[in-house]
Amino acid sequence: MYFEAIFSPANQKEYSSEAAGFVGKKLPVQEGWIIDEGPYKGQQCYYAPNTTIGKIPISDLQELKSVPFARWQQLYSSIDTENK
């Protein structure tokens, strides 16, 4: 499944410096795995392809919703364009 969500980290220091540019923006995300250690242990995580944000716990995403592939691809393309 494909998802979109607003990236809203509780603690930006846990992410790469690139992640700061995505705060407050809608991102295309894909479901990852259950985090098995650290402060987010037990939470579902997601990841934003084509970025170096890394794993994103569900608590750092707002307005998470499933979207059609065409919408997800549109968001993905906009991220790719911003990174060039």
N, C-alpha and C. Protein backbone atom coordinates (compact mmCIF):
# COMPACT_ATOMS: atom_id res chain seq x y z
N MET A 1 0.84 -1.19 0.00
CA MET A 1 0.00 0.00 0.00
C MET A 1 0.88 1.25 0.00
N TYR A 2 0.29 2.31 -0.46
CA TYR A 2 0.99 3.59 -0.56
C TYR A 2 0.31 4.60 0.34
N PHE A 3 1.10 5.43 0.99
CA PHE A 3 0.58 6.38 1.96
C PHE A 3 1.17 7.76 1.73
N GLU A 4 0.45 8.76 2.24
CA GLU A 4 0.99 10.10 2.33
C GLU A 4 0.79 10.57 3.76
N ALA A 5 1.68 11.43 4.22
CA ALA A 5 1.59 11.94 5.58
C ALA A 5 2.43 13.21 5.69
N ILE A 6 2.11 14.01 6.68
CA ILE A 6 2.90 15.21 6.97
C ILE A 6 3.97 14.82 7.97
N PHE A 7 5.20 15.13 7.64
CA PHE A 7 6.34 14.81 8.50
C PHE A 7 6.42 15.85 9.61
N SER A 8 6.21 15.42 10.83
CA SER A 8 6.18 16.32 11.98
C SER A 8 6.91 15.67 13.16
N PRO A 9 8.24 15.65 13.11
CA PRO A 9 8.99 14.96 14.16
C PRO A 9 8.93 15.67 15.51
N ALA A 10 8.81 14.88 16.56
CA ALA A 10 8.82 15.43 17.92
C ALA A 10 10.22 15.92 18.28
N ASN A 11 11.24 15.25 17.76
CA ASN A 11 12.62 15.60 18.06
C ASN A 11 13.44 15.54 16.77
N GLN A 12 13.70 16.70 16.19
CA GLN A 12 14.41 16.73 14.91
C GLN A 12 15.85 16.25 15.01
N LYS A 13 16.42 16.24 16.19
CA LYS A 13 17.81 15.81 16.37
C LYS A 13 18.00 14.33 16.07
N GLU A 14 16.91 13.57 16.04
CA GLU A 14 16.99 12.14 15.77
C GLU A 14 17.11 11.83 14.28
N TYR A 15 17.03 12.86 13.45
CA TYR A 15 17.05 12.67 12.01
C TYR A 15 18.27 13.33 11.39
N SER A 16 18.53 13.00 10.13
CA SER A 16 19.63 13.61 9.40
C SER A 16 19.33 15.08 9.16
N SER A 17 20.36 15.83 8.80
CA SER A 17 20.17 17.26 8.54
C SER A 17 19.25 17.47 7.34
N GLU A 18 19.23 16.54 6.41
CA GLU A 18 18.33 16.64 5.25
C GLU A 18 16.87 16.65 5.68
N ALA A 19 16.57 15.96 6.76
CA ALA A 19 15.18 15.83 7.21
C ALA A 19 14.56 17.17 7.56
N ALA A 20 15.36 18.14 8.00
CA ALA A 20 14.83 19.45 8.37
C ALA A 20 14.07 20.10 7.21
N GLY A 21 14.50 19.84 6.00
CA GLY A 21 13.84 20.40 4.82
C GLY A 21 12.47 19.80 4.54
N PHE A 22 12.15 18.70 5.18
CA PHE A 22 10.87 18.03 4.95
C PHE A 22 9.86 18.26 6.07
N VAL A 23 10.28 18.89 7.16
CA VAL A 23 9.37 19.11 8.29
C VAL A 23 8.18 19.95 7.84
N GLY A 24 6.99 19.47 8.17
CA GLY A 24 5.76 20.18 7.81
C GLY A 24 5.27 19.91 6.39
N LYS A 25 6.01 19.12 5.64
CA LYS A 25 5.62 18.83 4.25
C LYS A 25 4.96 17.46 4.15
N LYS A 26 4.11 17.35 3.16
CA LYS A 26 3.47 16.07 2.87
C LYS A 26 4.45 15.20 2.10
N LEU A 27 4.64 13.99 2.58
CA LEU A 27 5.60 13.07 1.97
C LEU A 27 4.92 11.80 1.49
N PRO A 28 5.45 11.19 0.44
CA PRO A 28 5.01 9.84 0.07
C PRO A 28 5.76 8.87 0.98
N VAL A 29 5.04 8.03 1.68
CA VAL A 29 5.70 7.08 2.58
C VAL A 29 5.19 5.67 2.31
N GLN A 30 6.02 4.73 2.70
CA GLN A 30 5.65 3.32 2.60
C GLN A 30 5.81 2.69 3.97
N GLU A 31 4.95 1.70 4.22
CA GLU A 31 4.98 1.02 5.50
C GLU A 31 6.27 0.24 5.64
N GLY A 32 6.87 0.35 6.81
CA GLY A 32 8.11 -0.36 7.09
C GLY A 32 7.88 -1.54 8.01
N TRP A 33 8.37 -1.46 9.20
CA TRP A 33 8.37 -2.57 10.15
C TRP A 33 8.05 -2.05 11.54
N ILE A 34 7.95 -2.94 12.49
CA ILE A 34 7.75 -2.56 13.88
C ILE A 34 9.13 -2.30 14.49
N ILE A 35 9.30 -1.15 15.09
CA ILE A 35 10.58 -0.80 15.70
C ILE A 35 10.80 -1.68 16.92
N ASP A 36 11.99 -2.30 16.99
CA ASP A 36 12.21 -3.28 18.06
C ASP A 36 13.13 -2.81 19.18
N GLU A 37 13.58 -1.56 19.12
CA GLU A 37 14.41 -1.04 20.21
C GLU A 37 14.34 0.47 20.26
N GLY A 38 14.80 1.04 21.36
CA GLY A 38 14.85 2.49 21.52
C GLY A 38 13.54 3.07 22.01
N PRO A 39 13.45 4.40 22.00
CA PRO A 39 12.28 5.08 22.56
C PRO A 39 10.97 4.82 21.80
N TYR A 40 11.08 4.37 20.56
CA TYR A 40 9.88 4.12 19.75
C TYR A 40 9.56 2.63 19.63
N LYS A 41 10.15 1.84 20.49
CA LYS A 41 9.95 0.39 20.47
C LYS A 41 8.46 0.05 20.45
N GLY A 42 8.10 -0.84 19.53
CA GLY A 42 6.72 -1.29 19.40
C GLY A 42 5.88 -0.48 18.42
N GLN A 43 6.39 0.66 17.95
CA GLN A 43 5.64 1.48 17.00
C GLN A 43 5.90 1.01 15.57
N GLN A 44 4.88 1.15 14.76
CA GLN A 44 5.03 0.93 13.32
C GLN A 44 5.89 2.07 12.78
N CYS A 45 6.81 1.77 11.88
CA CYS A 45 7.57 2.84 11.24
C CYS A 45 7.29 2.84 9.75
N TYR A 46 7.58 3.97 9.16
CA TYR A 46 7.41 4.19 7.73
C TYR A 46 8.72 4.75 7.20
N TYR A 47 8.86 4.80 5.90
CA TYR A 47 10.04 5.41 5.31
C TYR A 47 9.61 6.17 4.06
N ALA A 48 10.37 7.21 3.76
CA ALA A 48 10.12 8.03 2.58
C ALA A 48 11.19 7.68 1.55
N PRO A 49 10.83 6.94 0.51
CA PRO A 49 11.81 6.57 -0.51
C PRO A 49 12.48 7.79 -1.13
N ASN A 50 13.70 7.60 -1.57
CA ASN A 50 14.47 8.64 -2.25
C ASN A 50 14.87 9.79 -1.33
N THR A 51 14.91 9.52 -0.02
CA THR A 51 15.41 10.50 0.95
C THR A 51 16.36 9.78 1.90
N THR A 52 17.06 10.56 2.70
CA THR A 52 17.92 9.97 3.73
C THR A 52 17.34 10.18 5.12
N ILE A 53 16.03 10.37 5.20
CA ILE A 53 15.38 10.57 6.49
C ILE A 53 15.53 9.33 7.35
N GLY A 54 15.42 8.17 6.76
CA GLY A 54 15.48 6.92 7.51
C GLY A 54 14.11 6.50 8.00
N LYS A 55 14.09 5.67 9.03
CA LYS A 55 12.80 5.19 9.54
C LYS A 55 12.09 6.33 10.28
N ILE A 56 10.78 6.37 10.08
CA ILE A 56 9.95 7.41 10.70
C ILE A 56 8.89 6.72 11.54
N PRO A 57 8.94 6.86 12.86
CA PRO A 57 7.89 6.24 13.68
C PRO A 57 6.55 6.90 13.39
N ILE A 58 5.50 6.14 13.52
CA ILE A 58 4.17 6.65 13.22
C ILE A 58 3.83 7.90 14.03
N SER A 59 4.42 8.04 15.21
CA SER A 59 4.15 9.21 16.05
C SER A 59 4.72 10.50 15.45
N ASP A 60 5.62 10.40 14.49
CA ASP A 60 6.19 11.58 13.84
C ASP A 60 5.50 11.91 12.51
N LEU A 61 4.38 11.25 12.25
CA LEU A 61 3.61 11.50 11.03
C LEU A 61 2.21 11.97 11.40
N GLN A 62 1.73 12.99 10.71
CA GLN A 62 0.37 13.48 10.90
C GLN A 62 -0.42 13.23 9.63
N GLU A 63 -1.71 13.06 9.80
CA GLU A 63 -2.64 12.88 8.67
C GLU A 63 -2.21 11.74 7.75
N LEU A 64 -1.75 10.65 8.34
CA LEU A 64 -1.35 9.48 7.57
C LEU A 64 -2.58 8.84 6.93
N LYS A 65 -2.52 8.65 5.61
CA LYS A 65 -3.64 8.00 4.94
C LYS A 65 -3.17 7.26 3.71
N SER A 66 -3.90 6.23 3.39
CA SER A 66 -3.64 5.44 2.20
C SER A 66 -4.07 6.25 0.98
N VAL A 67 -3.26 6.20 -0.06
CA VAL A 67 -3.57 6.94 -1.28
C VAL A 67 -3.37 6.03 -2.49
N PRO A 68 -4.04 6.36 -3.60
CA PRO A 68 -3.81 5.60 -4.84
C PRO A 68 -2.36 5.78 -5.31
N PHE A 69 -1.88 4.81 -6.05
CA PHE A 69 -0.50 4.85 -6.53
C PHE A 69 -0.22 6.13 -7.32
N ALA A 70 -1.17 6.58 -8.14
CA ALA A 70 -0.95 7.78 -8.96
C ALA A 70 -0.66 9.00 -8.07
N ARG A 71 -1.38 9.15 -6.97
CA ARG A 71 -1.15 10.26 -6.04
C ARG A 71 0.21 10.10 -5.36
N TRP A 72 0.53 8.89 -4.93
CA TRP A 72 1.81 8.62 -4.28
C TRP A 72 2.96 8.94 -5.24
N GLN A 73 2.82 8.52 -6.49
CA GLN A 73 3.85 8.77 -7.51
C GLN A 73 4.04 10.26 -7.74
N GLN A 74 2.95 11.01 -7.71
CA GLN A 74 3.03 12.47 -7.88
C GLN A 74 3.86 13.09 -6.74
N LEU A 75 3.58 12.69 -5.51
CA LEU A 75 4.36 13.19 -4.37
C LEU A 75 5.82 12.76 -4.48
N TYR A 76 6.03 11.52 -4.85
CA TYR A 76 7.38 10.98 -5.00
C TYR A 76 8.16 11.79 -6.03
N SER A 77 7.53 12.10 -7.13
CA SER A 77 8.18 12.88 -8.19
C SER A 77 8.53 14.28 -7.72
N SER A 78 7.67 14.87 -6.90
CA SER A 78 7.95 16.22 -6.40
C SER A 78 9.14 16.21 -5.45
N ILE A 79 9.29 15.15 -4.65
CA ILE A 79 10.45 15.02 -3.76
C ILE A 79 11.72 14.85 -4.59
N ASP A 80 11.64 14.03 -5.63
CA ASP A 80 12.79 13.79 -6.50
C ASP A 80 13.23 15.09 -7.17
N THR A 81 12.28 15.91 -7.59
CA THR A 81 12.58 17.19 -8.23
C THR A 81 13.25 18.14 -7.25
N GLU A 82 12.77 18.18 -6.00
CA GLU A 82 13.35 19.06 -4.98
C GLU A 82 14.78 18.67 -4.65
N ASN A 83 15.10 17.39 -4.73
CA ASN A 83 16.43 16.91 -4.36
C ASN A 83 17.47 17.12 -5.45
N LYS A 84 17.07 17.56 -6.62
CA LYS A 84 18.03 17.75 -7.73
C LYS A 84 18.57 19.16 -7.75
